[in-house]
């Protein structure tokens, strides 16, 4: 497997303000585009 659940748990524990959680690569791309456009 890809340890996705463990990775999500680690990121949730850290609660870093710059980390955004998305469920898919398409969601990640959309989030990255939105963040880039906001700058």
PDB file of N, CA and C in Angstrom:
ATOM      1  N   UNK A   1       0.804  -1.184   0.000  1.00  0.00           N
ATOM      2  CA  UNK A   1       0.000   0.000   0.000  1.00  0.00           C
ATOM      3  C   UNK A   1       0.849   1.250   0.000  1.00  0.00           C
ATOM      4  N   UNK A   2       0.175   2.339   0.094  1.00  0.00           N
ATOM      5  CA  UNK A   2       0.867   3.627   0.033  1.00  0.00           C
ATOM      6  C   UNK A   2       0.876   4.364   1.367  1.00  0.00           C
ATOM      7  N   UNK A   3       0.387   3.722   2.407  1.00  0.00           N
ATOM      8  CA  UNK A   3       0.383   4.319   3.748  1.00  0.00           C
ATOM      9  C   UNK A   3      -0.358   5.655   3.810  1.00  0.00           C
ATOM     10  N   UNK A   4      -1.380   5.799   2.988  1.00  0.00           N
ATOM     11  CA  UNK A   4      -2.127   7.056   2.933  1.00  0.00           C
ATOM     12  C   UNK A   4      -2.750   7.406   4.280  1.00  0.00           C
ATOM     13  N   UNK A   5      -3.323   6.422   4.937  1.00  0.00           N
ATOM     14  CA  UNK A   5      -3.966   6.694   6.226  1.00  0.00           C
ATOM     15  C   UNK A   5      -2.950   7.152   7.264  1.00  0.00           C
ATOM     16  N   UNK A   6      -1.789   6.511   7.278  1.00  0.00           N
ATOM     17  CA  UNK A   6      -0.748   6.906   8.227  1.00  0.00           C
ATOM     18  C   UNK A   6      -0.251   8.320   7.915  1.00  0.00           C
ATOM     19  N   UNK A   7      -0.107   8.624   6.648  1.00  0.00           N
ATOM     20  CA  UNK A   7       0.325   9.965   6.251  1.00  0.00           C
ATOM     21  C   UNK A   7      -0.674  11.025   6.669  1.00  0.00           C
ATOM     22  N   UNK A   8      -1.954  10.741   6.464  1.00  0.00           N
ATOM     23  CA  UNK A   8      -2.996  11.692   6.882  1.00  0.00           C
ATOM     24  C   UNK A   8      -2.961  11.901   8.392  1.00  0.00           C
ATOM     25  N   UNK A   9      -2.746  10.822   9.137  1.00  0.00           N
ATOM     26  CA  UNK A   9      -2.695  10.922  10.598  1.00  0.00           C
ATOM     27  C   UNK A   9      -1.512  11.779  11.040  1.00  0.00           C
ATOM     28  N   UNK A  10      -0.364  11.589  10.417  1.00  0.00           N
ATOM     29  CA  UNK A  10       0.816  12.389  10.762  1.00  0.00           C
ATOM     30  C   UNK A  10       0.557  13.862  10.479  1.00  0.00           C
ATOM     31  N   UNK A  11       0.010  14.168   9.313  1.00  0.00           N
ATOM     32  CA  UNK A  11      -0.265  15.567   8.968  1.00  0.00           C
ATOM     33  C   UNK A  11      -1.306  16.178   9.902  1.00  0.00           C
ATOM     34  N   UNK A  12      -2.311  15.401  10.273  1.00  0.00           N
ATOM     35  CA  UNK A  12      -3.336  15.905  11.191  1.00  0.00           C
ATOM     36  C   UNK A  12      -2.737  16.209  12.562  1.00  0.00           C
ATOM     37  N   UNK A  13      -1.829  15.362  13.019  1.00  0.00           N
ATOM     38  CA  UNK A  13      -1.176  15.589  14.318  1.00  0.00           C
ATOM     39  C   UNK A  13      -0.375  16.880  14.324  1.00  0.00           C
ATOM     40  N   UNK A  14       0.290  17.157  13.233  1.00  0.00           N
ATOM     41  CA  UNK A  14       1.160  18.336  13.152  1.00  0.00           C
ATOM     42  C   UNK A  14       0.360  19.628  13.055  1.00  0.00           C
ATOM     43  N   UNK A  15      -0.790  19.572  12.401  1.00  0.00           N
ATOM     44  CA  UNK A  15      -1.678  20.734  12.246  1.00  0.00           C
ATOM     45  C   UNK A  15      -0.925  21.983  11.792  1.00  0.00           C
ATOM     46  N   UNK A  16      -0.043  21.821  10.815  1.00  0.00           N
ATOM     47  CA  UNK A  16       0.724  22.956  10.294  1.00  0.00           C
ATOM     48  C   UNK A  16      -0.209  23.863   9.493  1.00  0.00           C
ATOM     49  N   UNK A  17      -0.151  25.181   9.708  1.00  0.00           N
ATOM     50  CA  UNK A  17      -1.081  26.093   9.041  1.00  0.00           C
ATOM     51  C   UNK A  17      -0.918  26.146   7.523  1.00  0.00           C
ATOM     52  N   UNK A  18       0.224  25.754   6.995  1.00  0.00           N
ATOM     53  CA  UNK A  18       0.435  25.805   5.549  1.00  0.00           C
ATOM     54  C   UNK A  18      -0.009  24.525   4.838  1.00  0.00           C
ATOM     55  N   UNK A  19      -0.371  23.504   5.597  1.00  0.00           N
ATOM     56  CA  UNK A  19      -0.760  22.229   4.998  1.00  0.00           C
ATOM     57  C   UNK A  19      -2.263  22.215   4.782  1.00  0.00           C
ATOM     58  N   UNK A  20      -2.657  21.915   3.546  1.00  0.00           N
ATOM     59  CA  UNK A  20      -4.072  21.792   3.202  1.00  0.00           C
ATOM     60  C   UNK A  20      -4.354  20.327   2.894  1.00  0.00           C
ATOM     61  N   UNK A  21      -5.435  19.795   3.410  1.00  0.00           N
ATOM     62  CA  UNK A  21      -5.771  18.393   3.165  1.00  0.00           C
ATOM     63  C   UNK A  21      -6.773  18.298   2.026  1.00  0.00           C
ATOM     64  N   UNK A  22      -6.462  17.470   1.058  1.00  0.00           N
ATOM     65  CA  UNK A  22      -7.370  17.158  -0.041  1.00  0.00           C
ATOM     66  C   UNK A  22      -7.366  15.648  -0.228  1.00  0.00           C
ATOM     67  N   UNK A  23      -8.383  15.122  -0.888  1.00  0.00           N
ATOM     68  CA  UNK A  23      -8.520  13.672  -0.999  1.00  0.00           C
ATOM     69  C   UNK A  23      -7.978  13.085  -2.300  1.00  0.00           C
ATOM     70  N   UNK A  24      -7.778  13.925  -3.319  1.00  0.00           N
ATOM     71  CA  UNK A  24      -7.338  13.402  -4.612  1.00  0.00           C
ATOM     72  C   UNK A  24      -6.237  14.275  -5.201  1.00  0.00           C
ATOM     73  N   UNK A  25      -5.552  13.748  -6.196  1.00  0.00           N
ATOM     74  CA  UNK A  25      -4.543  14.540  -6.903  1.00  0.00           C
ATOM     75  C   UNK A  25      -5.205  15.702  -7.641  1.00  0.00           C
ATOM     76  N   UNK A  26      -6.412  15.483  -8.176  1.00  0.00           N
ATOM     77  CA  UNK A  26      -7.136  16.575  -8.827  1.00  0.00           C
ATOM     78  C   UNK A  26      -7.458  17.672  -7.821  1.00  0.00           C
ATOM     79  N   UNK A  27      -7.847  17.274  -6.625  1.00  0.00           N
ATOM     80  CA  UNK A  27      -8.111  18.247  -5.572  1.00  0.00           C
ATOM     81  C   UNK A  27      -6.858  19.005  -5.188  1.00  0.00           C
ATOM     82  N   UNK A  28      -5.733  18.305  -5.149  1.00  0.00           N
ATOM     83  CA  UNK A  28      -4.459  18.952  -4.826  1.00  0.00           C
ATOM     84  C   UNK A  28      -4.080  19.958  -5.901  1.00  0.00           C
ATOM     85  N   UNK A  29      -4.281  19.590  -7.163  1.00  0.00           N
ATOM     86  CA  UNK A  29      -3.974  20.504  -8.260  1.00  0.00           C
ATOM     87  C   UNK A  29      -4.867  21.740  -8.200  1.00  0.00           C
ATOM     88  N   UNK A  30      -6.135  21.549  -7.930  1.00  0.00           N
ATOM     89  CA  UNK A  30      -7.059  22.677  -7.826  1.00  0.00           C
ATOM     90  C   UNK A  30      -6.681  23.584  -6.661  1.00  0.00           C
ATOM     91  N   UNK A  31      -6.317  22.999  -5.538  1.00  0.00           N
ATOM     92  CA  UNK A  31      -5.914  23.782  -4.367  1.00  0.00           C
ATOM     93  C   UNK A  31      -4.639  24.556  -4.658  1.00  0.00           C
ATOM     94  N   UNK A  32      -3.673  23.920  -5.309  1.00  0.00           N
ATOM     95  CA  UNK A  32      -2.416  24.590  -5.656  1.00  0.00           C
ATOM     96  C   UNK A  32      -2.675  25.758  -6.596  1.00  0.00           C
ATOM     97  N   UNK A  33      -3.544  25.562  -7.583  1.00  0.00           N
ATOM     98  CA  UNK A  33      -3.869  26.633  -8.520  1.00  0.00           C
ATOM     99  C   UNK A  33      -4.562  27.791  -7.805  1.00  0.00           C
ATOM    100  N   UNK A  34      -5.470  27.484  -6.902  1.00  0.00           N
ATOM    101  CA  UNK A  34      -6.176  28.530  -6.160  1.00  0.00           C
ATOM    102  C   UNK A  34      -5.216  29.312  -5.272  1.00  0.00           C
ATOM    103  N   UNK A  35      -4.304  28.616  -4.615  1.00  0.00           N
ATOM    104  CA  UNK A  35      -3.333  29.297  -3.759  1.00  0.00           C
ATOM    105  C   UNK A  35      -2.390  30.167  -4.583  1.00  0.00           C
ATOM    106  N   UNK A  36      -1.975  29.671  -5.744  1.00  0.00           N
ATOM    107  CA  UNK A  36      -1.080  30.447  -6.609  1.00  0.00           C
ATOM    108  C   UNK A  36      -1.787  31.684  -7.150  1.00  0.00           C
ATOM    109  N   UNK A  37      -3.051  31.554  -7.496  1.00  0.00           N
ATOM    110  CA  UNK A  37      -3.812  32.677  -8.037  1.00  0.00           C
ATOM    111  C   UNK A  37      -4.065  33.746  -6.984  1.00  0.00           C
ATOM    112  N   UNK A  38      -4.113  33.351  -5.732  1.00  0.00           N
ATOM    113  CA  UNK A  38      -4.400  34.293  -4.646  1.00  0.00           C
ATOM    114  C   UNK A  38      -3.207  35.174  -4.319  1.00  0.00           C
ATOM    115  N   UNK A  39      -2.020  34.831  -4.790  1.00  0.00           N
ATOM    116  CA  UNK A  39      -0.812  35.603  -4.464  1.00  0.00           C
ATOM    117  C   UNK A  39      -0.606  36.722  -5.428  1.00  0.00           C
TER     118      UNK A  39
END
